[in-house]
Protein backbone atom coordinates (compact mmCIF):
# COMPACT_ATOMS: atom_id res chain seq x y z
CA UNK A 1 -0.10 -2.76 -22.36
CA UNK A 2 0.53 -4.20 -18.90
CA UNK A 3 -0.87 -2.64 -15.73
CA UNK A 4 2.53 -1.04 -15.09
CA UNK A 5 2.80 0.49 -18.54
CA UNK A 6 -0.63 2.18 -18.58
CA UNK A 7 0.02 4.93 -16.03
CA UNK A 8 3.81 5.01 -16.26
CA UNK A 9 3.68 5.52 -20.02
CA UNK A 10 1.14 8.33 -19.62
CA UNK A 11 3.32 10.04 -16.98
CA UNK A 12 6.36 9.82 -19.26
CA UNK A 13 4.39 11.26 -22.18
CA UNK A 14 3.22 14.16 -20.00
CA UNK A 15 6.71 15.14 -18.85
CA UNK A 16 8.30 14.47 -22.25
CA UNK A 17 6.61 17.55 -23.64
CA UNK A 18 8.22 19.64 -20.89
CA UNK A 19 11.59 17.98 -21.63
CA UNK A 20 11.17 19.07 -25.25
CA UNK A 21 10.54 22.68 -24.23
CA UNK A 22 6.73 22.90 -24.00
CA UNK A 23 5.78 25.36 -21.24
CA UNK A 24 2.07 25.70 -22.04
CA UNK A 25 0.50 23.40 -19.44
CA UNK A 26 -2.56 22.77 -21.59
CA UNK A 27 -0.30 21.13 -24.21
CA UNK A 28 1.15 18.54 -21.80
CA UNK A 29 -0.82 15.32 -22.14
CA UNK A 30 -0.57 11.55 -22.40
CA UNK A 31 -2.63 8.56 -23.49
CA UNK A 32 -4.85 8.82 -20.40
CA UNK A 33 -5.62 12.50 -20.97
CA UNK A 34 -4.19 15.94 -20.12
CA UNK A 35 -1.72 16.58 -17.31
CA UNK A 36 -3.75 17.44 -14.19
CA UNK A 37 -1.04 17.54 -11.50
CA UNK A 38 0.90 20.60 -10.24
CA UNK A 39 4.45 21.41 -11.32
CA UNK A 40 6.25 19.42 -8.61
CA UNK A 41 5.01 16.25 -10.28
CA UNK A 42 6.57 17.36 -13.58
CA UNK A 43 10.02 17.95 -12.07
CA UNK A 44 10.12 14.71 -10.05
CA UNK A 45 8.89 12.52 -12.89
CA UNK A 46 11.15 14.35 -15.33
CA UNK A 47 14.03 13.14 -13.16
CA UNK A 48 12.64 9.60 -13.39
CA UNK A 49 12.21 10.10 -17.14
CA UNK A 50 15.92 10.78 -17.57
CA UNK A 51 17.02 8.17 -14.99
CA UNK A 52 15.12 5.39 -16.77
CA UNK A 53 16.18 6.15 -20.35
CA UNK A 54 13.16 8.27 -21.27
CA UNK A 55 10.91 5.95 -19.31
CA UNK A 56 11.91 2.82 -21.22
CA UNK A 57 13.59 1.02 -18.29
CA UNK A 58 10.51 0.15 -16.27
CA UNK A 59 12.39 -2.40 -14.17
CA UNK A 60 14.72 0.33 -12.88
CA UNK A 61 11.69 2.53 -12.13
CA UNK A 62 10.22 -0.33 -10.07
CA UNK A 63 13.45 -0.65 -8.10
CA UNK A 64 13.37 3.08 -7.41
CA UNK A 65 9.76 2.85 -6.24
CA UNK A 66 10.63 -0.17 -4.06
CA UNK A 67 13.27 2.01 -2.39
CA UNK A 68 10.64 4.74 -2.00
CA UNK A 69 8.31 2.19 -0.39
CA UNK A 70 10.97 1.27 2.20
CA UNK A 71 11.71 4.94 2.86
CA UNK A 72 8.00 5.60 3.29
CA UNK A 73 7.74 2.79 5.85
CA UNK A 74 10.76 4.15 7.73
CA UNK A 75 9.16 7.60 7.94
CA UNK A 76 5.82 6.14 9.05
CA UNK A 77 7.44 3.92 11.69
CA UNK A 78 9.32 6.91 13.07
CA UNK A 79 6.01 8.77 13.50
CA UNK A 80 4.46 5.74 15.21
CA UNK A 81 7.42 5.38 17.55
CA UNK A 82 6.87 8.96 18.69
CA UNK A 83 3.17 8.36 19.37
CA UNK A 84 3.72 5.00 21.12
CA UNK A 85 0.09 4.01 20.63
CA UNK A 86 -0.01 1.11 18.17
CA UNK A 87 0.90 -2.43 19.33
CA UNK A 88 3.96 -3.86 17.52
CA UNK A 89 2.13 -6.75 15.84
CA UNK A 90 0.05 -4.28 13.81
CA UNK A 91 3.18 -3.24 11.90
CA UNK A 92 3.18 -6.67 10.28
CA UNK A 93 -0.14 -5.88 8.63
CA UNK A 94 1.18 -2.51 7.52
CA UNK A 95 4.23 -4.08 5.86
CA UNK A 96 3.02 -7.39 4.48
CA UNK A 97 -0.75 -7.67 4.37
CA UNK A 98 -1.73 -5.20 1.65
CA UNK A 99 -1.49 -6.37 -1.93
CA UNK A 100 -3.11 -3.14 -3.09
CA UNK A 101 -0.47 -0.92 -1.47
CA UNK A 102 2.38 -2.98 -2.93
CA UNK A 103 0.70 -2.68 -6.31
CA UNK A 104 0.32 1.10 -6.03
CA UNK A 105 3.99 1.56 -5.19
CA UNK A 106 5.92 -1.03 -7.19
CA UNK A 107 3.58 -2.30 -9.91
CA UNK A 108 1.66 0.78 -11.02
CA UNK A 109 4.28 3.46 -10.16
CA UNK A 110 1.67 6.08 -9.29
CA UNK A 111 2.54 9.61 -8.13
CA UNK A 112 0.35 9.20 -5.02
CA UNK A 113 3.03 7.36 -2.98
CA UNK A 114 5.60 10.01 -3.95
CA UNK A 115 3.37 12.73 -2.51
CA UNK A 116 2.64 10.72 0.63
CA UNK A 117 6.32 9.94 1.31
CA UNK A 118 7.13 13.66 1.16
CA UNK A 119 4.15 14.34 3.42
CA UNK A 120 5.34 11.84 6.04
CA UNK A 121 8.78 13.48 5.93
CA UNK A 122 7.08 16.82 6.59
CA UNK A 123 5.20 15.35 9.58
CA UNK A 124 8.50 14.05 10.99
CA UNK A 125 9.84 17.59 10.76
CA UNK A 126 6.75 18.95 12.52
CA UNK A 127 7.31 16.46 15.34
CA UNK A 128 10.88 17.77 15.68
CA UNK A 129 9.51 21.36 15.80
CA UNK A 130 11.10 22.26 12.44
CA UNK A 131 7.96 24.03 11.26
CA UNK A 132 9.44 26.08 8.43
CA UNK A 133 11.14 23.09 6.80
CA UNK A 134 8.03 21.04 7.43
CA UNK A 135 5.84 23.62 5.67
CA UNK A 136 8.28 23.64 2.74
CA UNK A 137 8.05 19.85 2.40
CA UNK A 138 4.29 19.93 2.89
CA UNK A 139 3.96 22.38 0.01
CA UNK A 140 6.27 20.21 -2.12
CA UNK A 141 3.97 17.24 -1.46
CA UNK A 142 0.97 19.33 -2.55
CA UNK A 143 2.83 20.15 -5.76
CA UNK A 144 3.02 16.43 -6.57
CA UNK A 145 -0.65 15.69 -5.92
CA UNK A 146 -3.43 17.81 -4.45
CA UNK A 147 -4.80 15.14 -2.11
CA UNK A 148 -2.26 16.43 0.43
CA UNK A 149 -4.56 19.43 0.85
CA UNK A 150 -6.80 17.15 2.96
CA UNK A 151 -4.17 17.55 5.69
CA UNK A 152 -4.20 21.37 5.27
CA UNK A 153 -7.04 22.19 7.72
CA UNK A 154 -5.22 20.27 10.44
CA UNK A 155 -1.93 21.95 9.60
CA UNK A 156 -3.55 25.41 9.71
CA UNK A 157 -4.98 24.60 13.14
CA UNK A 158 -1.53 23.48 14.36
CA UNK A 159 0.16 26.60 13.00
CA UNK A 160 -2.37 28.81 14.76
CA UNK A 161 -1.96 26.76 17.92
CA UNK A 162 1.85 27.06 17.83
CA UNK A 163 2.36 30.58 16.50
CA UNK A 164 -0.91 32.50 16.63
CA UNK A 165 -2.32 34.44 13.67
CA UNK A 166 0.67 36.73 13.06
CA UNK A 167 3.22 33.99 13.70
CA UNK A 168 1.72 31.52 11.24
CA UNK A 169 1.66 33.97 8.32
CA UNK A 170 5.38 33.45 7.47
CA UNK A 171 4.82 29.66 7.46
CA UNK A 172 1.88 30.02 5.08
CA UNK A 173 4.00 32.29 2.89
CA UNK A 174 6.60 29.51 2.64
CA UNK A 175 3.90 27.16 1.36
CA UNK A 176 2.60 29.69 -1.15
CA UNK A 177 6.02 30.86 -2.33
CA UNK A 178 7.15 27.34 -3.20
CA UNK A 179 4.05 26.83 -5.33
CA UNK A 180 4.82 30.04 -7.21
CA UNK A 181 8.48 29.14 -7.71
CA UNK A 182 7.70 25.62 -8.97
CA UNK A 183 4.95 26.81 -11.29
CA UNK A 184 6.75 29.95 -12.50
CA UNK A 185 7.90 28.62 -15.92
CA UNK A 186 4.32 27.65 -16.71
CA UNK A 187 2.73 30.70 -15.09
CA UNK A 188 4.79 33.02 -17.29
CA UNK A 189 3.55 31.31 -20.47
CA UNK A 190 -0.08 30.47 -19.69
CA UNK A 191 -1.07 31.23 -16.08
CA UNK A 192 -4.77 30.46 -16.53
CA UNK A 193 -3.97 27.18 -18.27
CA UNK A 194 -1.59 26.13 -15.49
CA UNK A 195 -3.94 26.99 -12.63
CA UNK A 196 -7.04 25.43 -14.20
CA UNK A 197 -5.22 22.21 -15.11
CA UNK A 198 -3.08 21.62 -12.03
CA UNK A 199 -5.53 22.83 -9.37
CA UNK A 200 -8.86 21.79 -10.85
CA UNK A 201 -11.04 21.16 -7.79
CA UNK A 202 -14.20 20.65 -9.85
CA UNK A 203 -12.93 17.77 -11.99
CA UNK A 204 -15.54 15.08 -12.66
CA UNK A 205 -14.67 11.46 -11.82
CA UNK A 206 -15.74 8.41 -13.80
CA UNK A 207 -18.26 6.18 -12.07
CA UNK A 208 -16.59 2.98 -13.28
CA UNK A 209 -13.50 3.64 -11.15
CA UNK A 210 -15.18 4.63 -7.89
CA UNK A 211 -14.45 2.45 -4.87
CA UNK A 212 -16.62 4.21 -2.30
CA UNK A 213 -19.88 5.19 -4.08
CA UNK A 214 -20.72 2.12 -6.16
CA UNK A 215 -23.94 1.57 -4.18
CA UNK A 216 -25.35 4.85 -5.56
CA UNK A 217 -26.99 5.30 -8.98
CA UNK A 218 -24.59 6.92 -11.46
CA UNK A 219 -26.83 9.97 -11.90
CA UNK A 220 -26.61 10.66 -8.15
CA UNK A 221 -22.84 10.12 -8.19
CA UNK A 222 -22.44 12.75 -10.92
CA UNK A 223 -24.96 15.20 -9.44
CA UNK A 224 -23.54 18.56 -8.37
CA UNK A 225 -25.97 18.77 -5.45
CA UNK A 226 -24.50 15.51 -4.10
CA UNK A 227 -21.01 16.99 -4.41
CA UNK A 228 -22.13 20.13 -2.55
CA UNK A 229 -23.64 17.98 0.23
CA UNK A 230 -20.35 16.11 0.62
CA UNK A 231 -18.46 19.40 0.83
CA UNK A 232 -20.82 20.69 3.52
CA UNK A 233 -20.45 17.43 5.47
CA UNK A 234 -16.67 17.74 5.20
CA UNK A 235 -16.67 21.33 6.46
CA UNK A 236 -19.08 20.45 9.27
CA UNK A 237 -16.88 17.53 10.35
CA UNK A 238 -13.77 19.70 10.36
CA UNK A 239 -15.58 22.35 12.38
CA UNK A 240 -16.83 19.88 14.98
CA UNK A 241 -13.43 18.22 15.39
CA UNK A 242 -11.65 21.58 15.56
CA UNK A 243 -14.03 22.88 18.23
CA UNK A 244 -14.46 19.77 20.36
CA UNK A 245 -11.54 17.38 19.73
CA UNK A 246 -8.52 19.28 18.45
CA UNK A 247 -9.04 22.27 20.75
CA UNK A 248 -8.43 20.86 24.23
CA UNK A 249 -8.25 24.17 26.09
CA UNK A 250 -11.20 25.50 28.06
CA UNK A 251 -10.63 28.85 26.41
CA UNK A 252 -12.50 29.87 23.26
CA UNK A 253 -11.07 28.59 19.99
CA UNK A 254 -10.61 32.23 19.00
CA UNK A 255 -7.71 32.38 21.46
CA UNK A 256 -5.71 30.54 18.78
CA UNK A 257 -5.44 33.91 17.05
CA UNK A 258 -3.57 35.37 20.02
CA UNK A 259 0.12 35.30 20.78
CA UNK A 260 0.95 31.79 22.11
CA UNK A 261 2.82 33.37 25.03
CA UNK A 262 -0.55 34.51 26.36
CA UNK A 263 -2.01 31.01 26.14
CA UNK A 264 -1.40 27.65 27.73
CA UNK A 265 1.69 25.64 26.62
CA UNK A 266 1.39 23.83 23.26
CA UNK A 267 0.10 20.28 23.12
CA UNK A 268 2.54 17.32 23.03
CA UNK A 269 3.62 15.72 19.71
CA UNK A 270 0.79 13.19 19.94
CA UNK A 271 -1.68 15.97 19.17
CA UNK A 272 0.18 16.86 15.97
CA UNK A 273 -0.34 13.36 14.57
CA UNK A 274 -3.95 13.11 15.72
CA UNK A 275 -4.93 16.45 14.20
CA UNK A 276 -3.22 15.81 10.85
CA UNK A 277 -4.38 12.20 10.47
CA UNK A 278 -7.97 12.92 11.51
CA UNK A 279 -8.10 15.97 9.20
CA UNK A 280 -7.11 13.77 6.28
CA UNK A 281 -9.51 10.99 7.29
CA UNK A 282 -12.47 13.37 7.40
CA UNK A 283 -11.65 14.35 3.83
CA UNK A 284 -11.43 10.69 2.79
CA UNK A 285 -14.85 9.97 4.29
CA UNK A 286 -16.42 12.85 2.37
CA UNK A 287 -14.54 12.34 -0.89
CA UNK A 288 -16.54 12.65 -4.12
CA UNK A 289 -14.80 9.50 -5.34
CA UNK A 290 -12.00 7.21 -4.27
CA UNK A 291 -10.01 5.41 -6.95
CA UNK A 292 -7.87 2.36 -6.24
CA UNK A 293 -4.58 4.26 -6.04
CA UNK A 294 -6.13 6.61 -3.48
CA UNK A 295 -5.88 3.86 -0.84
CA UNK A 296 -2.33 5.04 -0.13
CA UNK A 297 -3.76 8.41 0.92
CA UNK A 298 -4.69 6.96 4.31
CA UNK A 299 -3.60 3.32 4.54
CA UNK A 300 -0.56 4.05 6.71
CA UNK A 301 -2.61 6.27 9.04
CA UNK A 302 -5.31 3.67 9.75
CA UNK A 303 -3.47 1.84 12.59
CA UNK A 304 -3.00 5.11 14.44
CA UNK A 305 -6.62 6.15 13.89
CA UNK A 306 -7.78 2.80 15.29
CA UNK A 307 -5.41 2.59 18.25
CA UNK A 308 -5.04 6.25 19.28
CA UNK A 309 -8.03 5.87 21.60
CA UNK A 310 -7.96 3.79 24.81
CA UNK A 311 -8.11 0.11 23.87
CA UNK A 312 -9.00 -2.86 26.06
CA UNK A 313 -7.53 -6.30 25.36
CA UNK A 314 -10.83 -7.52 23.95
CA UNK A 315 -11.02 -4.58 21.54
CA UNK A 316 -7.82 -5.45 19.65
CA UNK A 317 -9.36 -8.18 17.52
CA UNK A 318 -12.31 -6.07 16.22
CA UNK A 319 -9.82 -3.37 15.20
CA UNK A 320 -7.68 -5.88 13.31
CA UNK A 321 -10.87 -7.20 11.72
CA UNK A 322 -11.78 -3.67 10.67
CA UNK A 323 -8.40 -3.31 8.95
CA UNK A 324 -9.05 -6.60 7.17
CA UNK A 325 -12.49 -5.56 5.93
CA UNK A 326 -11.12 -2.24 4.62
CA UNK A 327 -8.37 -4.13 2.81
CA UNK A 328 -10.93 -6.50 1.31
CA UNK A 329 -13.03 -3.56 0.09
CA UNK A 330 -10.02 -2.03 -1.66
CA UNK A 331 -9.09 -5.35 -3.25
CA UNK A 332 -12.54 -5.95 -4.73
CA UNK A 333 -12.32 -5.10 -8.44
CA UNK A 334 -14.53 -3.82 -9.81
CA UNK A 335 -16.13 -2.45 -6.68
CA UNK A 336 -19.60 -3.72 -5.83
CA UNK A 337 -22.65 -2.50 -3.93
CA UNK A 338 -21.51 -4.49 -0.87
CA UNK A 339 -17.82 -3.53 -1.02
CA UNK A 340 -18.47 0.21 -1.28
CA UNK A 341 -21.16 0.16 1.40
CA UNK A 342 -18.90 -1.89 3.69
CA UNK A 343 -16.13 0.65 3.22
CA UNK A 344 -18.44 3.46 4.37
CA UNK A 345 -19.54 1.43 7.39
CA UNK A 346 -15.89 0.87 8.36
CA UNK A 347 -15.14 4.56 7.93
CA UNK A 348 -18.18 5.42 10.03
CA UNK A 349 -17.06 3.11 12.84
CA UNK A 350 -13.62 4.70 12.87
CA UNK A 351 -15.17 8.17 12.97
CA UNK A 352 -17.39 7.21 15.90
CA UNK A 353 -14.39 5.81 17.76
CA UNK A 354 -12.36 8.97 17.10
CA UNK A 355 -15.22 11.14 18.32
CA UNK A 356 -16.21 9.24 21.45
CA UNK A 357 -12.78 7.78 22.24
CA UNK A 358 -11.18 11.22 22.41
CA UNK A 359 -14.02 13.00 24.22
CA UNK A 360 -12.78 15.35 26.97
CA UNK A 361 -12.94 13.72 30.37
CA UNK A 362 -15.19 15.47 32.88
CA UNK A 363 -13.34 17.28 35.63
CA UNK A 364 -13.76 15.28 38.82
CA UNK A 365 -13.82 17.11 42.12
CA UNK A 366 -11.59 15.07 44.41
CA UNK A 367 -13.02 14.99 47.94
CA UNK A 368 -10.82 16.10 50.79
CA UNK A 369 -9.07 12.98 52.14
CA UNK A 370 -10.16 11.90 55.59
CA UNK A 371 -7.77 11.78 58.54
CA UNK A 372 -7.95 7.97 58.47
CA UNK A 373 -6.77 7.88 54.84
CA UNK A 374 -3.95 10.34 55.58
CA UNK A 375 -2.82 8.24 58.49
CA UNK A 376 -2.89 5.08 56.38
CA UNK A 377 -0.91 6.83 53.64
CA UNK A 378 1.78 7.97 56.07
CA UNK A 379 2.01 4.47 57.52
CA UNK A 380 2.49 3.04 54.02
CA UNK A 381 5.34 5.47 53.36
């Protein structure tokens, strides 16, 4: 089979069982193994199954994914226009310079870009202050693929920041309720089977597909202690960013639990993007394994992460070079010791820039202007 057929055929086999009336999630499987995605994936790809003649018209599926690619770019560009941080020439690299991203969307027809497109639509809604609709779309994205949960710590912080503890509970209920509604047909038949298959956080990854940990011995890669260390690093990173970068107020972070009316005004839209994108990036850096299709999880956020901090004219070229090296790492197949190590170095450099480039500025005590300066100022007016 061709590269396109491998995953597409497996997806169609997985949803075909549902189309034929199978509601036991453990019985839905394809050539690549059992179905391991939540119910939203089943409904969306069931629609594609019927639209493409039971998955036989792959060319039509590619056209549909090409349209999804353009829609995804439109949603991303709209976010970037609101932030007004990234220089225009960088958008060329985002559109034209990634063979791997084009492959993920149009050649391989993965579910990852479907989840990310819905996620970017949710972020657009957050920027317009439509938090309930945004939470609904965020939960829908999670139901297509669980990688969207990497944005969840940032979203929880934003909900607490906007609404306080009591105010954010209805938004969280929207997220939870949609998951129950989508999974209800399967939960009624085999709830344990559905939950263990679609939300399996302990799933083991194959070493041969890893992009980011090739420089480690396979026994270390598969070791549970290594996985626990990565989880602790992830939680520590989220804690540090939440305390010292996301939380800009001088008040204690516990004030987020209070009614927002008793706090300072909410942060501007720029903070929404920074918190969500950095939350996801921290998860990427501490991921147990990154496969080639996972590149789309953060590719469209990289320009913002690189340019959201103050940038001098001389610093533009190193940032473009960093994008190029990351692209090269993701296009090296199979991954090598050098490519995986280089990817971690690039991630580390971005993390350092995010940490030091967004450090709170010290409060400067402006001296009382002298009479001579006041006189000069009045003369200038």
